[in-house]
């Protein structure tokens, strides 16, 4: 999933650990790990929370996918 790779890259650029991100968005760190490894598909709500937690806007991420 291309959006997940962008979110993972954004997390790493912001130097936020999976644990810290998970706390910010209210999920378990293993969930973040599984999403990043392609084992789970996140809901739009999780993707939106992920973006907010890293200080980006969802519409910017979606525009980049075009």
C-alpha atoms as a PDB file:
ATOM      1  CA  UNK A   1       0.000   0.000   0.000  1.00  0.00           C
ATOM      2  CA  UNK A   2       1.646   3.174  -1.217  1.00  0.00           C
ATOM      3  CA  UNK A   3       0.071   5.430   1.406  1.00  0.00           C
ATOM      4  CA  UNK A   4       1.504   3.274   4.189  1.00  0.00           C
ATOM      5  CA  UNK A   5       5.025   3.597   2.801  1.00  0.00           C
ATOM      6  CA  UNK A   6       4.590   7.381   2.742  1.00  0.00           C
ATOM      7  CA  UNK A   7       3.335   7.395   6.334  1.00  0.00           C
ATOM      8  CA  UNK A   8       6.242   5.207   7.442  1.00  0.00           C
ATOM      9  CA  UNK A   9       8.711   7.503   5.691  1.00  0.00           C
ATOM     10  CA  UNK A  10       7.075  10.524   7.326  1.00  0.00           C
ATOM     11  CA  UNK A  11       7.308   8.875  10.759  1.00  0.00           C
ATOM     12  CA  UNK A  12      11.002   8.185  10.270  1.00  0.00           C
ATOM     13  CA  UNK A  13      11.703  11.697   8.948  1.00  0.00           C
ATOM     14  CA  UNK A  14      10.091  13.100  12.091  1.00  0.00           C
ATOM     15  CA  UNK A  15      12.165  10.701  14.210  1.00  0.00           C
ATOM     16  CA  UNK A  16       9.081   9.313  15.931  1.00  0.00           C
ATOM     17  CA  UNK A  17       9.244   5.725  17.149  1.00  0.00           C
ATOM     18  CA  UNK A  18       6.452   3.276  16.510  1.00  0.00           C
ATOM     19  CA  UNK A  19       5.721   3.262  20.247  1.00  0.00           C
ATOM     20  CA  UNK A  20       5.466   7.045  20.431  1.00  0.00           C
ATOM     21  CA  UNK A  21       3.273   7.185  17.334  1.00  0.00           C
ATOM     22  CA  UNK A  22       1.010   4.454  18.695  1.00  0.00           C
ATOM     23  CA  UNK A  23       0.518   6.406  21.926  1.00  0.00           C
ATOM     24  CA  UNK A  24      -0.319   9.556  19.983  1.00  0.00           C
ATOM     25  CA  UNK A  25      -2.986   7.877  17.867  1.00  0.00           C
ATOM     26  CA  UNK A  26      -4.369   5.546  20.534  1.00  0.00           C
ATOM     27  CA  UNK A  27      -3.377   2.157  19.157  1.00  0.00           C
ATOM     28  CA  UNK A  28      -0.919  -0.523  20.249  1.00  0.00           C
ATOM     29  CA  UNK A  29       2.633  -0.319  18.915  1.00  0.00           C
ATOM     30  CA  UNK A  30       2.294  -3.797  17.419  1.00  0.00           C
ATOM     31  CA  UNK A  31      -0.565  -2.454  15.280  1.00  0.00           C
ATOM     32  CA  UNK A  32       1.687   0.298  13.883  1.00  0.00           C
ATOM     33  CA  UNK A  33       4.360  -2.303  13.164  1.00  0.00           C
ATOM     34  CA  UNK A  34       1.917  -4.581  11.368  1.00  0.00           C
ATOM     35  CA  UNK A  35       0.525  -1.720   9.304  1.00  0.00           C
ATOM     36  CA  UNK A  36       4.030  -0.686   8.247  1.00  0.00           C
ATOM     37  CA  UNK A  37       4.873  -4.279   7.300  1.00  0.00           C
ATOM     38  CA  UNK A  38       1.729  -4.595   5.208  1.00  0.00           C
ATOM     39  CA  UNK A  39       0.020  -7.133   7.462  1.00  0.00           C
ATOM     40  CA  UNK A  40      -2.888  -4.820   8.359  1.00  0.00           C
ATOM     41  CA  UNK A  41      -4.733  -2.258   6.283  1.00  0.00           C
ATOM     42  CA  UNK A  42      -5.436   0.840   8.374  1.00  0.00           C
ATOM     43  CA  UNK A  43      -8.815   2.531   8.310  1.00  0.00           C
ATOM     44  CA  UNK A  44      -9.150   6.059   7.003  1.00  0.00           C
ATOM     45  CA  UNK A  45      -9.573   7.206  10.605  1.00  0.00           C
ATOM     46  CA  UNK A  46      -6.228   5.683  11.600  1.00  0.00           C
ATOM     47  CA  UNK A  47      -4.534   7.173   8.537  1.00  0.00           C
ATOM     48  CA  UNK A  48      -5.969  10.576   9.409  1.00  0.00           C
ATOM     49  CA  UNK A  49      -4.860  10.288  13.063  1.00  0.00           C
ATOM     50  CA  UNK A  50      -1.403   9.151  11.892  1.00  0.00           C
ATOM     51  CA  UNK A  51      -1.077  12.252   9.730  1.00  0.00           C
ATOM     52  CA  UNK A  52      -2.244  14.533  12.540  1.00  0.00           C
ATOM     53  CA  UNK A  53       0.178  12.941  14.992  1.00  0.00           C
ATOM     54  CA  UNK A  54       3.046  13.711  12.613  1.00  0.00           C
ATOM     55  CA  UNK A  55       1.906  17.233  11.786  1.00  0.00           C
ATOM     56  CA  UNK A  56       0.862  16.705   8.196  1.00  0.00           C
ATOM     57  CA  UNK A  57      -2.466  16.943   6.455  1.00  0.00           C
ATOM     58  CA  UNK A  58      -4.157  13.920   4.960  1.00  0.00           C
ATOM     59  CA  UNK A  59      -5.057  15.764   1.763  1.00  0.00           C
ATOM     60  CA  UNK A  60      -1.356  16.463   1.098  1.00  0.00           C
ATOM     61  CA  UNK A  61      -0.508  12.760   1.442  1.00  0.00           C
ATOM     62  CA  UNK A  62      -3.384  11.804  -0.849  1.00  0.00           C
ATOM     63  CA  UNK A  63      -2.417  14.394  -3.487  1.00  0.00           C
ATOM     64  CA  UNK A  64       1.094  12.954  -3.606  1.00  0.00           C
ATOM     65  CA  UNK A  65      -0.345   9.561  -4.560  1.00  0.00           C
ATOM     66  CA  UNK A  66      -1.718  10.841  -7.873  1.00  0.00           C
END
